Amino acid sequence: MTIVDRVSKFTLIKKVDSKQSKVVTEGTIMLLKPYLDKTHTITADNGKEFAGHEKLAEQLETKVYFAHPYASWERGLNENTNGLIRQYFVKGSSFEEIRGEEVEAVMNKLNHRPRKTLNYDTPHAVFFHNNKREAA
């Protein structure tokens, strides 16, 4: 599962055992709990795995929105981030064989990788310090 902050591109990635709604909901809550002060809204796609959106909204004290069906351009940042993740886990990789530590290492690499859209700052720096982004 992947969560991406729209402004900073800060990315949270977690390996989950299944795409069942309960598993995805609990994983999302676990990933976002430490960042409640920075979590304003969540935008999800229309998959069955987000059936627990009401619990998400309640537990994280935020609003949950959904992209329109078949409107992938509304989730461009998420699609781009999935492409960046695929640089490390090539298409056809079995995620059953990938360890949680490997997923966390990729997450750290992405969050400390300078981005042109952030004036070559890193998502981590912008998310936690918001220094160069405000000046841009």
Protein backbone atom coordinates (compact mmCIF):
# COMPACT_ATOMS: atom_id res chain seq x y z
CA MET A 1 0.00 0.00 0.00
CA THR A 2 1.20 3.49 -0.84
CA ILE A 3 0.29 6.85 0.68
CA VAL A 4 1.68 10.06 -0.84
CA ASP A 5 1.46 13.64 0.43
CA ARG A 6 0.31 15.88 -2.39
CA VAL A 7 2.50 18.89 -1.55
CA SER A 8 5.79 17.38 -0.38
CA LYS A 9 5.63 14.02 -2.23
CA PHE A 10 6.49 12.40 1.13
CA THR A 11 5.67 8.71 0.71
CA LEU A 12 4.60 6.02 3.14
CA ILE A 13 4.77 2.42 1.94
CA LYS A 14 3.73 -0.72 3.77
CA LYS A 15 3.60 -4.32 2.72
CA VAL A 16 0.18 -5.75 3.54
CA ASP A 17 -0.85 -9.38 3.54
CA SER A 18 -3.93 -8.82 1.39
CA LYS A 19 -6.12 -6.18 -0.24
CA GLN A 20 -8.99 -6.95 2.12
CA SER A 21 -10.69 -3.83 3.40
CA LYS A 22 -9.91 -4.53 7.06
CA VAL A 23 -6.20 -5.09 6.35
CA VAL A 24 -5.89 -1.95 4.21
CA THR A 25 -7.82 0.16 6.72
CA GLU A 26 -5.66 -0.99 9.65
CA GLY A 27 -2.47 -0.50 7.61
CA THR A 28 -3.50 3.00 6.58
CA ILE A 29 -4.33 3.97 10.15
CA MET A 30 -1.00 2.56 11.37
CA LEU A 31 0.95 4.51 8.74
CA LEU A 32 -0.85 7.82 9.26
CA LYS A 33 -1.30 7.83 13.07
CA PRO A 34 2.13 9.46 13.66
CA TYR A 35 1.22 12.22 11.19
CA LEU A 36 -2.27 13.19 12.39
CA ASP A 37 -1.29 16.86 12.60
CA LYS A 38 -0.34 16.79 8.91
CA THR A 39 -3.21 14.62 7.66
CA HIS A 40 -5.99 16.86 6.40
CA THR A 41 -7.76 14.69 3.82
CA ILE A 42 -7.36 11.31 2.16
CA THR A 43 -8.22 10.64 -1.47
CA ALA A 44 -8.65 6.99 -2.39
CA ASP A 45 -9.52 5.14 -5.54
CA ASN A 46 -12.78 3.22 -5.80
CA GLY A 47 -11.45 -0.23 -4.93
CA LYS A 48 -13.20 -2.54 -2.48
CA GLU A 49 -10.16 -2.26 -0.22
CA PHE A 50 -11.36 1.21 0.83
CA ALA A 51 -14.74 0.00 2.09
CA GLY A 52 -13.50 0.89 5.59
CA HIS A 53 -13.30 4.60 4.72
CA GLU A 54 -15.67 5.53 7.56
CA LYS A 55 -13.35 3.94 10.12
CA LEU A 56 -10.40 5.74 8.50
CA ALA A 57 -12.17 9.08 8.77
CA GLU A 58 -13.11 8.45 12.39
CA GLN A 59 -9.76 7.10 13.59
CA LEU A 60 -7.67 9.71 11.76
CA GLU A 61 -10.14 12.57 12.31
CA THR A 62 -10.07 13.50 8.64
CA LYS A 63 -12.28 13.45 5.57
CA VAL A 64 -11.96 10.72 2.96
CA TYR A 65 -12.67 11.52 -0.69
CA PHE A 66 -12.79 9.23 -3.70
CA ALA A 67 -11.49 9.79 -7.20
CA HIS A 68 -14.02 9.46 -9.99
CA PRO A 69 -14.21 6.00 -11.58
CA TYR A 70 -11.89 5.58 -14.59
CA ALA A 71 -10.31 8.99 -13.99
CA SER A 72 -6.68 8.00 -13.43
CA TRP A 73 -5.55 11.58 -14.05
CA GLU A 74 -7.09 12.48 -10.70
CA ARG A 75 -4.50 10.22 -9.10
CA GLY A 76 -1.48 11.26 -11.14
CA LEU A 77 0.86 11.66 -8.18
CA ASN A 78 -0.04 8.19 -6.93
CA GLU A 79 0.52 6.67 -10.38
CA ASN A 80 3.88 8.46 -10.70
CA THR A 81 4.93 7.25 -7.25
CA ASN A 82 4.01 3.69 -8.17
CA GLY A 83 6.31 4.08 -11.18
CA LEU A 84 9.15 5.23 -8.90
CA ILE A 85 8.56 2.22 -6.65
CA ARG A 86 8.69 -0.05 -9.72
CA GLN A 87 12.28 1.14 -10.30
CA TYR A 88 13.14 -0.93 -7.24
CA PHE A 89 10.58 -3.74 -7.57
CA VAL A 90 10.32 -4.51 -11.27
CA LYS A 91 7.06 -5.57 -12.83
CA GLY A 92 6.52 -9.28 -12.32
CA SER A 93 8.25 -9.26 -8.92
CA SER A 94 6.54 -11.49 -6.41
CA PHE A 95 5.64 -9.34 -3.43
CA GLU A 96 5.32 -12.51 -1.38
CA GLU A 97 9.12 -12.77 -1.50
CA ILE A 98 9.79 -9.10 -0.69
CA ARG A 99 10.47 -8.42 2.98
CA GLY A 100 9.06 -5.49 4.92
CA GLU A 101 12.60 -4.19 5.48
CA GLU A 102 13.12 -3.94 1.72
CA VAL A 103 9.89 -1.95 1.35
CA GLU A 104 10.97 0.38 4.15
CA ALA A 105 14.38 0.88 2.51
CA VAL A 106 12.71 1.90 -0.76
CA MET A 107 10.42 4.27 1.13
CA ASN A 108 13.47 5.92 2.75
CA LYS A 109 15.24 6.20 -0.61
CA LEU A 110 12.23 7.88 -2.21
CA ASN A 111 11.79 10.29 0.69
CA HIS A 112 15.45 11.34 0.58
CA ARG A 113 15.69 11.60 -3.20
CA PRO A 114 15.82 15.19 -4.52
CA ARG A 115 12.87 16.06 -6.79
CA LYS A 116 12.84 18.64 -9.54
CA THR A 117 9.24 19.56 -8.61
CA LEU A 118 10.49 20.46 -5.12
CA ASN A 119 13.33 22.68 -6.40
CA TYR A 120 15.67 19.72 -5.87
CA ASP A 121 14.78 19.42 -2.23
CA THR A 122 13.74 16.06 -0.79
CA PRO A 123 10.20 15.06 0.19
CA HIS A 124 11.42 14.45 3.74
CA ALA A 125 12.84 17.97 4.05
CA VAL A 126 9.72 19.61 2.62
CA PHE A 127 7.32 17.50 4.71
CA PHE A 128 9.10 18.09 8.01
CA HIS A 129 10.69 21.49 7.50
CA ASN A 130 8.75 23.05 4.62
CA ASN A 131 11.71 25.38 3.97
CA LYS A 132 12.36 25.66 0.24
CA ARG A 133 8.77 24.88 -0.79
CA GLU A 134 7.43 28.05 0.86
CA ALA A 135 9.99 30.20 -0.93
CA ALA A 136 9.14 28.71 -4.34
